[in-house]
Protein backbone atom coordinates (compact mmCIF):
# COMPACT_ATOMS: atom_id res chain seq x y z
CA UNK A 1 36.42 -33.64 -9.94
CA UNK A 2 32.73 -33.74 -9.11
CA UNK A 3 30.66 -30.91 -10.62
CA UNK A 4 28.93 -28.56 -8.13
CA UNK A 5 25.18 -29.10 -7.90
CA UNK A 6 22.97 -26.64 -9.75
CA UNK A 7 21.06 -24.15 -7.60
CA UNK A 8 17.37 -23.27 -8.09
CA UNK A 9 14.92 -21.05 -6.24
CA UNK A 10 11.37 -21.48 -5.04
CA UNK A 11 8.89 -19.64 -2.83
CA UNK A 12 7.92 -22.94 -1.20
CA UNK A 13 9.00 -24.71 1.98
CA UNK A 14 9.45 -28.47 2.13
CA UNK A 15 6.20 -30.17 3.23
CA UNK A 16 5.75 -32.90 5.83
CA UNK A 17 6.60 -35.56 3.24
CA UNK A 18 9.90 -33.77 2.53
CA UNK A 19 8.73 -32.74 -0.92
CA UNK A 20 9.29 -29.30 -2.39
CA UNK A 21 7.80 -27.75 -5.54
CA UNK A 22 9.27 -25.45 -8.18
CA UNK A 23 7.03 -23.60 -10.67
CA UNK A 24 7.26 -20.77 -13.21
CA UNK A 25 10.48 -19.80 -14.97
CA UNK A 26 12.64 -21.96 -12.71
CA UNK A 27 10.60 -25.06 -13.58
CA UNK A 28 10.77 -24.16 -17.28
CA UNK A 29 14.56 -23.77 -17.02
CA UNK A 30 14.94 -27.21 -15.42
CA UNK A 31 12.60 -28.93 -17.85
CA UNK A 32 13.12 -27.20 -21.22
CA UNK A 33 16.58 -25.62 -21.07
CA UNK A 34 18.64 -27.98 -18.93
CA UNK A 35 16.43 -31.00 -19.70
CA UNK A 36 17.13 -32.50 -16.31
CA UNK A 37 15.79 -35.98 -15.64
CA UNK A 38 14.12 -37.87 -12.80
CA UNK A 39 16.59 -38.74 -10.08
CA UNK A 40 19.00 -35.89 -10.86
CA UNK A 41 20.23 -34.01 -7.79
CA UNK A 42 20.36 -30.26 -7.20
CA UNK A 43 20.21 -27.58 -4.52
CA UNK A 44 16.97 -25.72 -3.76
CA UNK A 45 16.76 -22.46 -1.79
CA UNK A 46 13.85 -20.23 -0.81
CA UNK A 47 13.40 -16.62 0.27
CA UNK A 48 13.51 -17.60 3.95
CA UNK A 49 17.11 -18.75 3.57
CA UNK A 50 16.41 -22.49 3.71
CA UNK A 51 18.57 -24.62 1.42
CA UNK A 52 17.89 -28.23 0.52
CA UNK A 53 19.96 -30.96 -1.12
CA UNK A 54 17.29 -32.60 -3.30
CA UNK A 55 16.56 -34.95 -6.19
CA UNK A 56 13.89 -34.70 -8.87
CA UNK A 57 10.85 -36.91 -8.15
CA UNK A 58 8.34 -35.75 -10.77
CA UNK A 59 8.27 -33.47 -13.82
CA UNK A 60 5.06 -32.01 -15.29
CA UNK A 61 4.29 -29.09 -17.59
CA UNK A 62 3.44 -26.88 -14.61
CA UNK A 63 5.88 -27.90 -11.89
CA UNK A 64 8.90 -29.85 -10.75
CA UNK A 65 8.56 -31.87 -7.54
CA UNK A 66 11.71 -32.74 -5.64
CA UNK A 67 12.48 -34.97 -2.68
CA UNK A 68 14.52 -33.32 0.06
CA UNK A 69 17.48 -35.52 0.97
CA UNK A 70 18.81 -33.16 3.63
CA UNK A 71 18.70 -29.54 4.69
CA UNK A 72 21.90 -27.55 4.30
CA UNK A 73 22.83 -25.05 7.01
CA UNK A 74 23.56 -21.66 5.50
CA UNK A 75 26.88 -20.37 6.86
CA UNK A 76 27.27 -17.51 4.36
CA UNK A 77 24.87 -14.98 5.87
CA UNK A 78 25.91 -11.35 5.63
CA UNK A 79 25.72 -9.07 8.66
CA UNK A 80 24.43 -6.33 6.35
CA UNK A 81 20.86 -6.12 5.10
CA UNK A 82 20.73 -3.72 2.16
CA UNK A 83 17.53 -2.29 0.72
CA UNK A 84 17.71 -0.37 -2.55
CA UNK A 85 15.08 2.09 -3.74
CA UNK A 86 15.64 2.12 -7.48
CA UNK A 87 13.76 4.60 -9.69
CA UNK A 88 12.35 3.37 -12.98
CA UNK A 89 15.02 4.17 -15.56
CA UNK A 90 15.47 2.97 -19.13
CA UNK A 91 15.09 -0.79 -19.45
CA UNK A 92 18.60 -2.18 -19.89
CA UNK A 93 20.06 0.21 -17.34
CA UNK A 94 17.45 -0.69 -14.72
CA UNK A 95 18.06 -4.38 -15.32
CA UNK A 96 21.82 -3.89 -15.08
CA UNK A 97 21.38 -2.49 -11.56
CA UNK A 98 19.22 -5.50 -10.60
CA UNK A 99 21.93 -7.83 -11.87
CA UNK A 100 24.94 -6.08 -10.34
CA UNK A 101 23.09 -5.14 -7.17
CA UNK A 102 22.29 -8.81 -6.61
CA UNK A 103 25.95 -9.75 -7.07
CA UNK A 104 27.01 -7.03 -4.62
CA UNK A 105 24.61 -8.02 -1.85
CA UNK A 106 21.32 -6.11 -2.15
CA UNK A 107 18.63 -7.99 -0.20
CA UNK A 108 15.50 -6.09 -1.24
CA UNK A 109 14.82 -4.09 -4.41
CA UNK A 110 12.03 -1.50 -4.43
CA UNK A 111 11.26 -0.25 -7.96
CA UNK A 112 10.12 3.36 -7.51
CA UNK A 113 7.94 5.69 -9.54
CA UNK A 114 9.30 9.18 -8.79
CA UNK A 115 8.35 12.58 -10.18
CA UNK A 116 11.14 12.74 -12.76
CA UNK A 117 11.02 9.13 -13.94
CA UNK A 118 10.86 9.06 -17.72
CA UNK A 119 9.59 5.48 -17.80
CA UNK A 120 5.89 4.79 -17.34
CA UNK A 121 4.80 1.15 -17.20
CA UNK A 122 1.13 0.56 -18.12
CA UNK A 123 -0.81 -1.34 -15.47
CA UNK A 124 -1.46 -4.28 -17.81
CA UNK A 125 2.28 -4.73 -18.40
CA UNK A 126 3.45 -4.53 -14.77
CA UNK A 127 3.16 -8.26 -14.03
CA UNK A 128 5.15 -9.20 -17.13
CA UNK A 129 7.83 -6.64 -16.37
CA UNK A 130 8.14 -7.76 -12.76
CA UNK A 131 8.35 -11.41 -13.82
CA UNK A 132 11.26 -10.44 -16.07
CA UNK A 133 12.96 -8.57 -13.21
CA UNK A 134 12.57 -11.57 -10.92
CA UNK A 135 14.13 -13.82 -13.56
CA UNK A 136 17.12 -11.47 -13.88
CA UNK A 137 17.57 -11.40 -10.10
CA UNK A 138 17.40 -15.20 -9.86
CA UNK A 139 19.93 -15.68 -12.67
CA UNK A 140 22.36 -13.28 -11.02
CA UNK A 141 21.74 -14.77 -7.56
CA UNK A 142 22.44 -18.25 -8.89
CA UNK A 143 25.71 -17.12 -10.47
CA UNK A 144 26.84 -15.50 -7.21
CA UNK A 145 25.51 -18.29 -4.97
CA UNK A 146 23.08 -16.04 -3.09
CA UNK A 147 21.01 -17.73 -0.39
CA UNK A 148 18.40 -16.46 0.10
CA UNK A 149 17.94 -14.68 -3.23
CA UNK A 150 17.04 -10.97 -3.06
CA UNK A 151 13.39 -9.97 -2.89
CA UNK A 152 11.91 -7.76 -5.60
CA UNK A 153 8.88 -5.75 -4.45
CA UNK A 154 6.04 -4.34 -6.56
CA UNK A 155 6.45 -0.84 -7.97
CA UNK A 156 6.04 1.71 -5.16
CA UNK A 157 5.82 5.43 -4.70
CA UNK A 158 8.20 7.42 -2.51
CA UNK A 159 5.94 7.49 0.56
CA UNK A 160 5.54 3.71 0.49
CA UNK A 161 9.32 3.26 0.33
CA UNK A 162 9.85 5.67 3.24
CA UNK A 163 7.30 3.78 5.34
CA UNK A 164 8.77 0.36 4.54
CA UNK A 165 12.32 1.44 5.45
CA UNK A 166 11.66 3.71 8.44
CA UNK A 167 13.19 1.30 10.98
CA UNK A 168 16.46 0.73 9.13
CA UNK A 169 19.67 1.63 10.95
CA UNK A 170 21.22 3.81 8.24
CA UNK A 171 19.29 5.58 5.47
CA UNK A 172 21.15 7.40 2.72
CA UNK A 173 20.32 8.95 -0.63
CA UNK A 174 22.50 10.16 -3.47
CA UNK A 175 22.13 13.92 -3.70
CA UNK A 176 23.62 16.60 -5.96
CA UNK A 177 22.35 19.55 -3.91
CA UNK A 178 24.02 21.34 -1.01
CA UNK A 179 24.86 20.24 2.54
CA UNK A 180 25.78 16.68 1.62
CA UNK A 181 27.92 14.37 3.67
CA UNK A 182 30.45 12.02 2.22
CA UNK A 183 29.34 8.40 2.15
CA UNK A 184 31.99 7.55 4.73
CA UNK A 185 30.62 10.22 7.07
CA UNK A 186 27.09 8.87 6.64
CA UNK A 187 28.20 5.33 7.48
CA UNK A 188 29.82 6.58 10.67
CA UNK A 189 26.52 7.85 12.08
CA UNK A 190 25.85 4.47 13.69
CA UNK A 191 28.13 2.50 15.95
CA UNK A 192 29.26 -0.79 14.38
CA UNK A 193 27.15 -3.75 15.39
CA UNK A 194 26.74 -7.36 14.38
CA UNK A 195 23.75 -6.83 12.07
CA UNK A 196 23.09 -3.57 10.25
CA UNK A 197 20.14 -2.62 8.03
CA UNK A 198 20.87 0.00 5.37
CA UNK A 199 18.49 1.78 2.99
CA UNK A 200 19.79 3.34 -0.20
CA UNK A 201 17.83 5.70 -2.43
CA UNK A 202 19.11 7.13 -5.71
CA UNK A 203 17.44 9.42 -8.19
CA UNK A 204 16.32 8.95 -11.80
CA UNK A 205 17.72 10.94 -14.70
CA UNK A 206 17.45 14.53 -13.48
CA UNK A 207 17.70 13.49 -9.81
CA UNK A 208 14.96 13.67 -7.18
CA UNK A 209 12.74 16.75 -7.33
CA UNK A 210 13.31 19.43 -4.63
CA UNK A 211 10.10 18.31 -2.91
CA UNK A 212 11.18 14.66 -2.88
CA UNK A 213 14.65 15.55 -1.59
CA UNK A 214 13.14 17.58 1.25
CA UNK A 215 10.74 14.74 2.10
CA UNK A 216 13.42 12.04 2.33
CA UNK A 217 15.62 14.31 4.47
CA UNK A 218 12.64 14.81 6.80
CA UNK A 219 12.29 11.02 6.92
CA UNK A 220 15.85 10.65 8.20
CA UNK A 221 17.74 9.91 4.99
CA UNK A 222 21.25 11.36 4.92
CA UNK A 223 22.10 13.21 1.67
CA UNK A 224 25.44 11.95 0.38
CA UNK A 225 27.81 13.04 -2.36
CA UNK A 226 29.84 10.68 -4.53
CA UNK A 227 32.42 13.32 -5.41
CA UNK A 228 32.70 16.07 -7.99
CA UNK A 229 31.34 13.98 -10.87
CA UNK A 230 27.63 13.48 -11.52
CA UNK A 231 27.03 9.77 -12.00
CA UNK A 232 24.43 8.21 -14.25
CA UNK A 233 21.26 6.85 -12.67
CA UNK A 234 22.49 3.26 -13.09
CA UNK A 235 26.07 3.96 -11.95
CA UNK A 236 25.25 5.73 -8.68
CA UNK A 237 23.54 2.82 -6.85
CA UNK A 238 26.27 0.34 -7.82
CA UNK A 239 28.94 2.76 -6.63
CA UNK A 240 27.19 3.32 -3.29
CA UNK A 241 26.69 -0.40 -2.68
CA UNK A 242 30.33 -1.17 -3.51
CA UNK A 243 31.62 1.52 -1.15
CA UNK A 244 29.32 0.29 1.64
CA UNK A 245 30.48 -3.29 1.22
CA UNK A 246 34.13 -2.26 1.26
CA UNK A 247 33.80 0.20 4.17
CA UNK A 248 31.86 -2.18 6.39
CA UNK A 249 34.10 -5.15 5.76
CA UNK A 250 32.03 -7.39 3.48
CA UNK A 251 34.41 -6.81 0.57
CA UNK A 252 37.96 -6.93 2.01
């Protein structure tokens, strides 16, 4: 039985000569870890959803250049587009949500600095941290055959997240205060349609502050309860995503 072709990601499109370039961690993985050779074939996908059946043409210390043999039509597109606002929580727990969220279908991750976040990332370390997050997302996307891979945005504040998600069809946030809806009730606020954009916001340890909760409600986010138990900051987003996928038919 023929082995499935390995999948790699790039930000590039194929050029007019049908060549495509891979750099960074993906190139290092091909060259140093897998030790792939000239002429070996693989699949390449980018953030636009293009997928290419390719073979390695050139290997250097900085990049891998591949020849596109043919473009593959992506027939696995989801009708849901899920955006997750994820507060900065303790390292391993934050990364676990990136990994599992990718497997469960999150399309865009927004790392958020909220009032009660215990984690503060110095400016000089942000690029390194975000490179690590991107690597985790790519590894999980590869394992779950995600095309395109999820996008990971720079660290944002709450107002930036609200602005970026204001046009989404359904906006929900996990809330432990009063006047919540159930998640099922929140998902019923929009009539089913072919493509649905959903924003999810969860709190850090200690939840959103009262001011933040009021602001997101004003912005059209529906406060939802996940039952009588208070979930950890890394459990809540995974639970919400799973319920959404099941309720809306992506996880039969």
